[in-house]
Amino acid sequence: MLRRILVFGLIAGLVEGIPLFSMTLWLPNHSLTLVEEMAIGYTVMLISLSTVFIAIKRRRDEDLGGIIGFWQALLLGLAISFIASLFYVAAWEAAVDIGHIDFAGGYARQVIAEQKAKGISAEALAKLITEMNAFKAEYANPFYRLSEAFSEMFPVGVLVSLISAGLLCNHRFLPVRRS
């Protein structure tokens, strides 16, 4: 089972990490809106984490004769999601470092510009600028930055693992085809 966790975690990590790395380097000036970036990012996460479903199904069908318990399936999915999330963090850190990208500064400028365009009041703008400056200071701390990146992907992995385990613990859902 450890081999399956590592293989599927590696696949999910590469499927997520390579586009993240590429997008971070090729779109450093936030040429997309935050909503567009998030939509693309979470779509790629879901695609990469489809490996969780595949791994649980293979474990159930090939190793366990078509029956898997919810907790065993969930733990398998969480382990794969953990490995994939580590790849996500590594890809993000590598891209930001190699590209010399000031993510926090760019993010803060973009949020402030979007709010100005919406006609935010002077007091609300001052408060937002203070919040963004605090965010930039926090983001400079590597422990904060790494945990922030990990917390972007791992919760999606938890959700995918829960859904996959819930579906696949029912032996009648996509049953084994015997020849």
C-alpha atoms as a PDB file:
ATOM      1  CA  MET A   1       0.000   0.000   0.000  1.00  0.00           C
ATOM      2  CA  LEU A   2       2.916   2.356   0.669  1.00  0.00           C
ATOM      3  CA  ARG A   3       4.017   1.939  -2.934  1.00  0.00           C
ATOM      4  CA  ARG A   4       0.529   2.860  -4.144  1.00  0.00           C
ATOM      5  CA  ILE A   5       0.498   5.953  -1.898  1.00  0.00           C
ATOM      6  CA  LEU A   6       3.867   7.098  -3.205  1.00  0.00           C
ATOM      7  CA  VAL A   7       3.099   6.406  -6.872  1.00  0.00           C
ATOM      8  CA  PHE A   8      -0.307   8.072  -6.880  1.00  0.00           C
ATOM      9  CA  GLY A   9       0.902  10.904  -4.646  1.00  0.00           C
ATOM     10  CA  LEU A  10       3.779  11.505  -7.067  1.00  0.00           C
ATOM     11  CA  ILE A  11       1.443  11.473 -10.064  1.00  0.00           C
ATOM     12  CA  ALA A  12      -0.984  13.880  -8.387  1.00  0.00           C
ATOM     13  CA  GLY A  13       1.884  16.100  -7.261  1.00  0.00           C
ATOM     14  CA  LEU A  14       3.355  16.317 -10.752  1.00  0.00           C
ATOM     15  CA  VAL A  15      -0.027  16.880 -12.401  1.00  0.00           C
ATOM     16  CA  GLU A  16      -0.557  19.789  -9.987  1.00  0.00           C
ATOM     17  CA  GLY A  17       3.013  21.001  -9.582  1.00  0.00           C
ATOM     18  CA  ILE A  18       4.034  21.352 -13.224  1.00  0.00           C
ATOM     19  CA  PRO A  19       1.108  23.641 -14.227  1.00  0.00           C
ATOM     20  CA  LEU A  20       1.471  25.632 -10.992  1.00  0.00           C
ATOM     21  CA  PHE A  21       5.188  26.116 -11.583  1.00  0.00           C
ATOM     22  CA  SER A  22       4.617  27.061 -15.226  1.00  0.00           C
ATOM     23  CA  MET A  23       1.748  29.452 -14.565  1.00  0.00           C
ATOM     24  CA  THR A  24       3.622  31.152 -11.743  1.00  0.00           C
ATOM     25  CA  LEU A  25       6.617  31.820 -13.964  1.00  0.00           C
ATOM     26  CA  TRP A  26       4.697  32.719 -17.133  1.00  0.00           C
ATOM     27  CA  LEU A  27       2.045  34.896 -15.506  1.00  0.00           C
ATOM     28  CA  PRO A  28       4.030  36.746 -12.837  1.00  0.00           C
ATOM     29  CA  ASN A  29       2.319  40.103 -13.280  1.00  0.00           C
ATOM     30  CA  HIS A  30      -1.172  38.825 -12.455  1.00  0.00           C
ATOM     31  CA  SER A  31      -2.360  39.114 -16.039  1.00  0.00           C
ATOM     32  CA  LEU A  32      -5.426  37.132 -14.928  1.00  0.00           C
ATOM     33  CA  THR A  33      -7.885  38.255 -12.280  1.00  0.00           C
ATOM     34  CA  LEU A  34      -7.794  36.597  -8.866  1.00  0.00           C
ATOM     35  CA  VAL A  35     -11.009  34.745  -9.673  1.00  0.00           C
ATOM     36  CA  GLU A  36      -9.566  33.408 -12.937  1.00  0.00           C
ATOM     37  CA  GLU A  37      -6.342  32.320 -11.229  1.00  0.00           C
ATOM     38  CA  MET A  38      -8.281  30.569  -8.485  1.00  0.00           C
ATOM     39  CA  ALA A  39     -10.616  28.852 -10.949  1.00  0.00           C
ATOM     40  CA  ILE A  40      -7.698  27.492 -12.957  1.00  0.00           C
ATOM     41  CA  GLY A  41      -5.786  26.500  -9.834  1.00  0.00           C
ATOM     42  CA  TYR A  42      -8.620  24.615  -8.171  1.00  0.00           C
ATOM     43  CA  THR A  43      -9.613  22.931 -11.442  1.00  0.00           C
ATOM     44  CA  VAL A  44      -6.063  21.602 -11.825  1.00  0.00           C
ATOM     45  CA  MET A  45      -6.145  20.480  -8.182  1.00  0.00           C
ATOM     46  CA  LEU A  46      -9.329  18.493  -8.761  1.00  0.00           C
ATOM     47  CA  ILE A  47      -7.884  16.912 -11.890  1.00  0.00           C
ATOM     48  CA  SER A  48      -4.672  15.951 -10.098  1.00  0.00           C
ATOM     49  CA  LEU A  49      -6.549  14.619  -7.078  1.00  0.00           C
ATOM     50  CA  SER A  50      -8.625  12.341  -9.271  1.00  0.00           C
ATOM     51  CA  THR A  51      -5.722   9.984  -8.622  1.00  0.00           C
ATOM     52  CA  VAL A  52      -7.158   9.536  -5.125  1.00  0.00           C
ATOM     53  CA  PHE A  53     -10.315   8.000  -6.560  1.00  0.00           C
ATOM     54  CA  ILE A  54      -8.320   5.801  -8.939  1.00  0.00           C
ATOM     55  CA  ALA A  55      -5.970   4.599  -6.190  1.00  0.00           C
ATOM     56  CA  ILE A  56      -8.816   3.723  -3.821  1.00  0.00           C
ATOM     57  CA  LYS A  57     -10.680   1.884  -6.562  1.00  0.00           C
ATOM     58  CA  ARG A  58      -7.586  -0.076  -7.541  1.00  0.00           C
ATOM     59  CA  ARG A  59      -6.859  -0.947  -3.906  1.00  0.00           C
ATOM     60  CA  ARG A  60     -10.448  -2.125  -3.471  1.00  0.00           C
ATOM     61  CA  ASP A  61     -10.631  -4.079  -6.710  1.00  0.00           C
ATOM     62  CA  GLU A  62      -7.119  -5.497  -7.106  1.00  0.00           C
ATOM     63  CA  ASP A  63      -5.957  -6.025  -3.528  1.00  0.00           C
ATOM     64  CA  LEU A  64      -9.109  -6.463  -1.467  1.00  0.00           C
ATOM     65  CA  GLY A  65     -11.442  -8.428  -3.716  1.00  0.00           C
ATOM     66  CA  GLY A  66     -13.909  -5.626  -4.366  1.00  0.00           C
ATOM     67  CA  ILE A  67     -14.560  -4.514  -0.775  1.00  0.00           C
ATOM     68  CA  ILE A  68     -12.869  -1.695   1.128  1.00  0.00           C
ATOM     69  CA  GLY A  69     -13.820  -0.074   4.404  1.00  0.00           C
ATOM     70  CA  PHE A  70     -14.526   3.637   4.600  1.00  0.00           C
ATOM     71  CA  TRP A  71     -11.666   4.393   7.010  1.00  0.00           C
ATOM     72  CA  GLN A  72      -9.087   2.429   5.024  1.00  0.00           C
ATOM     73  CA  ALA A  73     -10.167   4.194   1.830  1.00  0.00           C
ATOM     74  CA  LEU A  74     -10.135   7.584   3.561  1.00  0.00           C
ATOM     75  CA  LEU A  75      -6.654   7.082   4.987  1.00  0.00           C
ATOM     76  CA  LEU A  76      -5.334   6.033   1.580  1.00  0.00           C
ATOM     77  CA  GLY A  77      -6.847   9.160   0.025  1.00  0.00           C
ATOM     78  CA  LEU A  78      -5.491  11.425   2.752  1.00  0.00           C
ATOM     79  CA  ALA A  79      -1.994   9.985   2.405  1.00  0.00           C
ATOM     80  CA  ILE A  80      -2.023  10.590  -1.351  1.00  0.00           C
ATOM     81  CA  SER A  81      -3.396  14.102  -0.800  1.00  0.00           C
ATOM     82  CA  PHE A  82      -0.623  14.801   1.717  1.00  0.00           C
ATOM     83  CA  ILE A  83       2.103  13.792  -0.758  1.00  0.00           C
ATOM     84  CA  ALA A  84       0.453  15.794  -3.555  1.00  0.00           C
ATOM     85  CA  SER A  85       0.190  18.841  -1.277  1.00  0.00           C
ATOM     86  CA  LEU A  86       3.908  18.630  -0.494  1.00  0.00           C
ATOM     87  CA  PHE A  87       4.610  18.721  -4.240  1.00  0.00           C
ATOM     88  CA  TYR A  88       2.282  21.729  -4.533  1.00  0.00           C
ATOM     89  CA  VAL A  89       4.225  23.572  -1.830  1.00  0.00           C
ATOM     90  CA  ALA A  90       7.563  22.659  -3.403  1.00  0.00           C
ATOM     91  CA  ALA A  91       6.423  23.782  -6.875  1.00  0.00           C
ATOM     92  CA  TRP A  92       5.149  27.073  -5.502  1.00  0.00           C
ATOM     93  CA  GLU A  93       8.311  27.801  -3.532  1.00  0.00           C
ATOM     94  CA  ALA A  94      10.545  26.853  -6.465  1.00  0.00           C
ATOM     95  CA  ALA A  95       8.628  29.029  -8.926  1.00  0.00           C
ATOM     96  CA  VAL A  96       8.566  32.038  -6.608  1.00  0.00           C
ATOM     97  CA  ASP A  97      12.282  31.647  -5.860  1.00  0.00           C
ATOM     98  CA  ILE A  98      13.416  31.009  -9.440  1.00  0.00           C
ATOM     99  CA  GLY A  99      11.211  33.758 -10.857  1.00  0.00           C
ATOM    100  CA  HIS A 100      12.102  36.233  -8.076  1.00  0.00           C
ATOM    101  CA  ILE A 101       8.396  36.868  -7.700  1.00  0.00           C
ATOM    102  CA  ASP A 102       7.033  39.162  -5.008  1.00  0.00           C
ATOM    103  CA  PHE A 103       3.732  37.349  -4.685  1.00  0.00           C
ATOM    104  CA  ALA A 104       2.600  39.147  -1.534  1.00  0.00           C
ATOM    105  CA  GLY A 105       3.354  42.575  -2.984  1.00  0.00           C
ATOM    106  CA  GLY A 106       1.678  41.795  -6.295  1.00  0.00           C
ATOM    107  CA  TYR A 107      -1.330  40.270  -4.567  1.00  0.00           C
ATOM    108  CA  ALA A 108      -1.667  43.294  -2.276  1.00  0.00           C
ATOM    109  CA  ARG A 109      -1.447  45.728  -5.202  1.00  0.00           C
ATOM    110  CA  GLN A 110      -4.041  43.759  -7.162  1.00  0.00           C
ATOM    111  CA  VAL A 111      -6.514  43.579  -4.264  1.00  0.00           C
ATOM    112  CA  ILE A 112      -6.115  47.294  -3.565  1.00  0.00           C
ATOM    113  CA  ALA A 113      -6.527  48.186  -7.264  1.00  0.00           C
ATOM    114  CA  GLU A 114      -9.669  46.044  -7.547  1.00  0.00           C
ATOM    115  CA  GLN A 115     -11.189  47.688  -4.485  1.00  0.00           C
ATOM    116  CA  LYS A 116     -10.291  51.178  -5.728  1.00  0.00           C
ATOM    117  CA  ALA A 117     -11.998  50.366  -9.025  1.00  0.00           C
ATOM    118  CA  LYS A 118     -15.127  49.412  -7.075  1.00  0.00           C
ATOM    119  CA  GLY A 119     -15.092  52.853  -5.416  1.00  0.00           C
ATOM    120  CA  ILE A 120     -14.141  51.857  -1.877  1.00  0.00           C
ATOM    121  CA  SER A 121     -14.312  54.626   0.738  1.00  0.00           C
ATOM    122  CA  ALA A 122     -11.142  56.340   1.984  1.00  0.00           C
ATOM    123  CA  GLU A 123     -11.440  54.807   5.461  1.00  0.00           C
ATOM    124  CA  ALA A 124     -12.012  51.308   4.068  1.00  0.00           C
ATOM    125  CA  LEU A 125      -9.092  51.790   1.686  1.00  0.00           C
ATOM    126  CA  ALA A 126      -6.791  52.827   4.542  1.00  0.00           C
ATOM    127  CA  LYS A 127      -7.871  49.757   6.525  1.00  0.00           C
ATOM    128  CA  LEU A 128      -7.328  47.511   3.486  1.00  0.00           C
ATOM    129  CA  ILE A 129      -3.836  48.948   2.924  1.00  0.00           C
ATOM    130  CA  THR A 130      -2.987  48.245   6.580  1.00  0.00           C
ATOM    131  CA  GLU A 131      -4.268  44.663   6.230  1.00  0.00           C
ATOM    132  CA  MET A 132      -2.297  44.131   3.036  1.00  0.00           C
ATOM    133  CA  ASN A 133       0.891  45.443   4.655  1.00  0.00           C
ATOM    134  CA  ALA A 134       0.354  43.025   7.548  1.00  0.00           C
ATOM    135  CA  PHE A 135      -0.194  40.210   5.041  1.00  0.00           C
ATOM    136  CA  LYS A 136       3.081  41.051   3.263  1.00  0.00           C
ATOM    137  CA  ALA A 137       4.939  40.942   6.594  1.00  0.00           C
ATOM    138  CA  GLU A 138       3.364  37.587   7.528  1.00  0.00           C
ATOM    139  CA  TYR A 139       4.040  36.140   4.070  1.00  0.00           C
ATOM    140  CA  ALA A 140       7.756  36.916   4.418  1.00  0.00           C
ATOM    141  CA  ASN A 141       7.865  34.297   7.214  1.00  0.00           C
ATOM    142  CA  PRO A 142       8.627  30.923   5.544  1.00  0.00           C
ATOM    143  CA  PHE A 143       6.581  28.949   8.079  1.00  0.00           C
ATOM    144  CA  TYR A 144       3.535  31.071   7.355  1.00  0.00           C
ATOM    145  CA  ARG A 145       4.111  30.928   3.591  1.00  0.00           C
ATOM    146  CA  LEU A 146       4.603  27.131   3.513  1.00  0.00           C
ATOM    147  CA  SER A 147       1.585  26.462   5.711  1.00  0.00           C
ATOM    148  CA  GLU A 148      -0.492  28.858   3.617  1.00  0.00           C
ATOM    149  CA  ALA A 149       0.445  27.022   0.414  1.00  0.00           C
ATOM    150  CA  PHE A 150      -0.215  23.622   2.017  1.00  0.00           C
ATOM    151  CA  SER A 151      -3.609  24.799   3.251  1.00  0.00           C
ATOM    152  CA  GLU A 152      -4.630  25.692  -0.302  1.00  0.00           C
ATOM    153  CA  MET A 153      -4.434  22.146  -1.623  1.00  0.00           C
ATOM    154  CA  PHE A 154      -4.766  19.733   1.289  1.00  0.00           C
ATOM    155  CA  PRO A 155      -8.382  20.648   2.174  1.00  0.00           C
ATOM    156  CA  VAL A 156      -9.349  19.903  -1.427  1.00  0.00           C
ATOM    157  CA  GLY A 157      -7.621  16.545  -1.004  1.00  0.00           C
ATOM    158  CA  VAL A 158      -9.587  15.903   2.183  1.00  0.00           C
ATOM    159  CA  LEU A 159     -12.842  16.610   0.352  1.00  0.00           C
ATOM    160  CA  VAL A 160     -11.900  14.399  -2.603  1.00  0.00           C
ATOM    161  CA  SER A 161     -10.806  11.646  -0.188  1.00  0.00           C
ATOM    162  CA  LEU A 162     -14.086  11.812   1.738  1.00  0.00           C
ATOM    163  CA  ILE A 163     -16.186  11.654  -1.411  1.00  0.00           C
ATOM    164  CA  SER A 164     -14.080   8.876  -2.955  1.00  0.00           C
ATOM    165  CA  ALA A 165     -14.093   6.803   0.241  1.00  0.00           C
ATOM    166  CA  GLY A 166     -17.825   7.304   0.654  1.00  0.00           C
ATOM    167  CA  LEU A 167     -18.566   6.171  -2.873  1.00  0.00           C
ATOM    168  CA  LEU A 168     -16.082   3.324  -3.132  1.00  0.00           C
ATOM    169  CA  CYS A 169     -16.796   1.700   0.238  1.00  0.00           C
ATOM    170  CA  ASN A 170     -20.071   0.648  -1.399  1.00  0.00           C
ATOM    171  CA  HIS A 171     -19.087  -2.497  -3.301  1.00  0.00           C
ATOM    172  CA  ARG A 172     -21.966  -1.972  -5.748  1.00  0.00           C
ATOM    173  CA  PHE A 173     -20.550   1.371  -6.909  1.00  0.00           C
ATOM    174  CA  LEU A 174     -18.435   0.695 -10.013  1.00  0.00           C
ATOM    175  CA  PRO A 175     -18.111  -3.009  -9.136  1.00  0.00           C
ATOM    176  CA  VAL A 176     -15.198  -5.191 -10.175  1.00  0.00           C
ATOM    177  CA  ARG A 177     -15.635  -6.686 -13.624  1.00  0.00           C
ATOM    178  CA  ARG A 178     -14.689 -10.300 -13.562  1.00  0.00           C
ATOM    179  CA  SER A 179     -13.849 -12.020 -16.839  1.00  0.00           C
END
